[in-house]
Amino acid sequence: MNTLFKCDGAAMDSIKANLVQAQSYMDQAYTDALELQKEIEAKEDWTGNAELVAEGFLDILVQYQKEFYGVANPQAKAIVALNELDTNLDSFFSTWEDYLALEGRTL
């Protein structure tokens, strides 16, 4: 039986830990962007074109960061999917026809 093809538990744990850490950084980046946006909008030192450019840039930045914030973003979905795969890994390999064929087995 060729088990080298199966997912390595330690590698999966490392991937999940890295995804969780990256998600934490993305959430913090969004929070920081919102805070910076509020600070710039509250300051009266900026006027005219400089103010419009800064506010426009921050608005785009906040919109971008929002896509990676919270539980509905692709990163969070990947974490959920990896956890589900990890939970169901044995049944995944025992019901995957192509994998079973590699092992010389059938359903």
Protein backbone atom coordinates (compact mmCIF):
# COMPACT_ATOMS: atom_id res chain seq x y z
CA MET A 1 0.00 0.00 0.00
CA ASN A 2 1.39 3.39 -1.01
CA THR A 3 0.67 5.78 1.87
CA LEU A 4 3.05 8.52 0.70
CA PHE A 5 0.17 10.07 -1.22
CA LYS A 6 -1.95 10.68 1.88
CA CYS A 7 -1.86 14.03 3.63
CA ASP A 8 0.71 14.25 6.39
CA GLY A 9 -0.90 15.23 9.71
CA ALA A 10 2.01 17.40 10.88
CA ALA A 11 2.12 19.22 7.54
CA MET A 12 -1.65 19.79 7.68
CA ASP A 13 -1.35 21.17 11.21
CA SER A 14 1.43 23.51 10.08
CA ILE A 15 -0.64 24.72 7.11
CA LYS A 16 -3.67 25.34 9.32
CA ALA A 17 -1.57 27.20 11.91
CA ASN A 18 -0.09 29.40 9.19
CA LEU A 19 -3.54 30.13 7.76
CA VAL A 20 -4.86 31.06 11.19
CA GLN A 21 -1.89 33.38 11.79
CA ALA A 22 -2.29 34.96 8.35
CA GLN A 23 -6.00 35.47 9.04
CA SER A 24 -5.14 37.18 12.30
CA TYR A 25 -2.78 39.53 10.44
CA MET A 26 -5.44 40.27 7.80
CA ASP A 27 -8.04 41.03 10.48
CA GLN A 28 -5.58 43.34 12.24
CA ALA A 29 -4.71 45.06 8.94
CA TYR A 30 -8.40 45.77 8.34
CA THR A 31 -8.85 47.14 11.86
CA ASP A 32 -5.74 49.31 11.44
CA ALA A 33 -6.93 50.59 8.05
CA LEU A 34 -10.29 51.62 9.53
CA GLU A 35 -8.54 53.39 12.40
CA LEU A 36 -6.20 55.23 10.02
CA GLN A 37 -9.13 56.20 7.82
CA LYS A 38 -10.96 57.69 10.80
CA GLU A 39 -7.85 59.59 11.92
CA ILE A 40 -7.28 61.14 8.50
CA GLU A 41 -10.94 62.05 8.05
CA ALA A 42 -10.94 63.71 11.49
CA LYS A 43 -7.85 65.84 10.84
CA GLU A 44 -8.45 69.30 9.48
CA ASP A 45 -4.83 69.75 8.36
CA TRP A 46 -5.52 68.13 5.01
CA THR A 47 -7.52 70.00 2.43
CA GLY A 48 -8.11 70.07 -1.28
CA ASN A 49 -6.50 67.56 -3.61
CA ALA A 50 -4.24 66.01 -0.94
CA GLU A 51 -7.27 65.21 1.20
CA LEU A 52 -9.20 63.73 -1.74
CA VAL A 53 -6.26 61.55 -2.81
CA ALA A 54 -5.60 60.29 0.73
CA GLU A 55 -9.26 59.56 1.39
CA GLY A 56 -9.65 57.87 -1.99
CA PHE A 57 -6.59 55.68 -1.41
CA LEU A 58 -7.72 54.70 2.07
CA ASP A 59 -11.24 53.97 0.86
CA ILE A 60 -9.83 51.50 -1.71
CA LEU A 61 -7.50 50.02 0.90
CA VAL A 62 -10.34 49.51 3.39
CA GLN A 63 -12.54 47.91 0.72
CA TYR A 64 -9.72 45.53 -0.18
CA GLN A 65 -8.98 44.64 3.44
CA LYS A 66 -12.68 44.08 4.16
CA GLU A 67 -12.73 41.25 1.60
CA PHE A 68 -10.23 39.36 3.78
CA TYR A 69 -11.82 40.18 7.14
CA GLY A 70 -14.05 37.96 9.23
CA VAL A 71 -15.48 34.51 8.61
CA ALA A 72 -16.80 34.91 5.05
CA ASN A 73 -13.45 35.49 3.33
CA PRO A 74 -11.51 32.90 1.27
CA GLN A 75 -8.86 32.44 3.96
CA ALA A 76 -11.41 31.62 6.67
CA LYS A 77 -13.20 29.27 4.29
CA ALA A 78 -9.90 27.47 3.64
CA ILE A 79 -9.37 27.03 7.38
CA VAL A 80 -12.86 25.55 7.77
CA ALA A 81 -12.31 23.25 4.75
CA LEU A 82 -8.96 22.01 6.07
CA ASN A 83 -10.45 21.33 9.49
CA GLU A 84 -13.30 19.41 7.85
CA LEU A 85 -10.85 17.46 5.68
CA ASP A 86 -8.74 16.67 8.73
CA THR A 87 -11.82 15.39 10.57
CA ASN A 88 -12.97 13.26 7.63
CA LEU A 89 -9.59 12.28 6.19
CA ASP A 90 -9.90 8.52 6.67
CA SER A 91 -13.32 8.34 5.05
CA PHE A 92 -12.08 10.70 2.30
CA PHE A 93 -9.36 8.28 1.24
CA SER A 94 -11.53 5.18 1.69
CA THR A 95 -14.24 6.55 -0.65
CA TRP A 96 -12.05 8.24 -3.30
CA GLU A 97 -12.12 5.93 -6.32
CA ASP A 98 -8.94 7.27 -7.95
CA TYR A 99 -6.96 6.84 -4.74
CA LEU A 100 -8.30 3.35 -4.18
CA ALA A 101 -7.28 2.49 -7.75
CA LEU A 102 -3.71 3.60 -6.92
CA GLU A 103 -3.78 1.14 -4.04
CA GLY A 104 -5.26 -1.55 -6.25
CA ARG A 105 -8.60 -1.52 -4.45
CA THR A 106 -12.14 -0.69 -5.52
CA LEU A 107 -15.21 0.54 -3.71
